Amino acid sequence: MAATTNPLAGEPARPADTEAEHRARLAHERALLDEAREDVKAGRVIPDGESDAWLDLLVRGEPLPMPDAPSASHPK
């Protein structure tokens, strides 16, 4: 596989994944997506209006309270 870069961040190219690294990364990403889907099903989400208000504070450089999702206890 060819080297990859993040043109938006201006990061230098990183060495390409080996086939095994690529498979492992995809498996990890798949697991994260599955976890996110379960969170949504369980209602562990932040309402759009609340997240928009939080992002507005971020853009204006104001202090940011940590958003809190309902039933936010999340085992890890």
Protein backbone atom coordinates (compact mmCIF):
# COMPACT_ATOMS: atom_id res chain seq x y z
CA MET A 1 0.00 0.00 0.00
CA ALA A 2 1.18 3.55 -0.66
CA ALA A 3 2.10 6.04 2.03
CA THR A 4 -0.78 8.15 3.24
CA THR A 5 -1.07 11.73 4.44
CA ASN A 6 -3.70 13.97 5.95
CA PRO A 7 -3.70 16.96 3.59
CA LEU A 8 -6.06 18.94 5.85
CA ALA A 9 -3.68 18.76 8.79
CA GLY A 10 -0.56 19.21 6.69
CA GLU A 11 0.90 16.08 8.23
CA PRO A 12 3.77 14.31 6.51
CA ALA A 13 3.12 11.01 4.83
CA ARG A 14 3.23 8.02 7.16
CA PRO A 15 4.43 4.59 6.10
CA ALA A 16 1.72 2.46 4.58
CA ASP A 17 0.12 -0.21 6.71
CA THR A 18 1.15 -3.79 6.17
CA GLU A 19 -1.73 -6.06 5.20
CA ALA A 20 -1.93 -7.31 8.81
CA GLU A 21 -1.92 -3.75 10.20
CA HIS A 22 -4.61 -2.76 7.71
CA ARG A 23 -6.83 -5.69 8.76
CA ALA A 24 -6.24 -4.92 12.45
CA ARG A 25 -7.05 -1.23 11.97
CA LEU A 26 -10.26 -2.05 10.10
CA ALA A 27 -11.29 -4.52 12.80
CA HIS A 28 -10.67 -1.88 15.47
CA GLU A 29 -12.65 0.74 13.53
CA ARG A 30 -15.49 -1.78 13.05
CA ALA A 31 -15.56 -2.43 16.82
CA LEU A 32 -15.70 1.31 17.53
CA LEU A 33 -18.59 1.75 15.10
CA ASP A 34 -20.45 -1.18 16.68
CA GLU A 35 -19.95 0.40 20.11
CA ALA A 36 -21.26 3.73 18.83
CA ARG A 37 -24.33 2.07 17.34
CA GLU A 38 -25.06 0.38 20.69
CA ASP A 39 -24.72 3.73 22.47
CA VAL A 40 -27.26 5.28 20.10
CA LYS A 41 -29.66 2.35 20.58
CA ALA A 42 -29.34 2.73 24.35
CA GLY A 43 -30.06 6.46 24.16
CA ARG A 44 -26.54 7.53 25.15
CA VAL A 45 -26.53 10.55 22.86
CA ILE A 46 -26.35 14.31 23.23
CA PRO A 47 -29.31 16.18 21.71
CA ASP A 48 -28.45 18.26 18.63
CA GLY A 49 -29.33 21.58 20.23
CA GLU A 50 -27.01 20.94 23.17
CA SER A 51 -24.11 19.88 20.99
CA ASP A 52 -24.68 22.88 18.68
CA ALA A 53 -24.62 25.24 21.67
CA TRP A 54 -21.40 23.61 22.92
CA LEU A 55 -19.79 23.97 19.48
CA ASP A 56 -20.83 27.65 19.36
CA LEU A 57 -18.93 28.19 22.64
CA LEU A 58 -15.92 26.43 21.16
CA VAL A 59 -15.94 28.64 18.06
CA ARG A 60 -16.20 31.80 20.19
CA GLY A 61 -13.36 30.64 22.45
CA GLU A 62 -15.56 30.62 25.55
CA PRO A 63 -15.18 28.17 28.46
CA LEU A 64 -16.54 24.76 27.58
CA PRO A 65 -18.58 22.66 29.96
CA MET A 66 -18.28 18.96 29.25
CA PRO A 67 -21.43 17.79 27.41
CA ASP A 68 -23.24 15.06 29.29
CA ALA A 69 -25.32 12.40 27.57
CA PRO A 70 -28.30 10.88 29.37
CA SER A 71 -27.32 7.64 31.10
CA ALA A 72 -23.74 8.60 30.41
CA SER A 73 -22.25 5.87 32.57
CA HIS A 74 -20.21 3.91 30.12
CA PRO A 75 -18.22 0.88 31.25
CA LYS A 76 -14.62 0.77 30.10
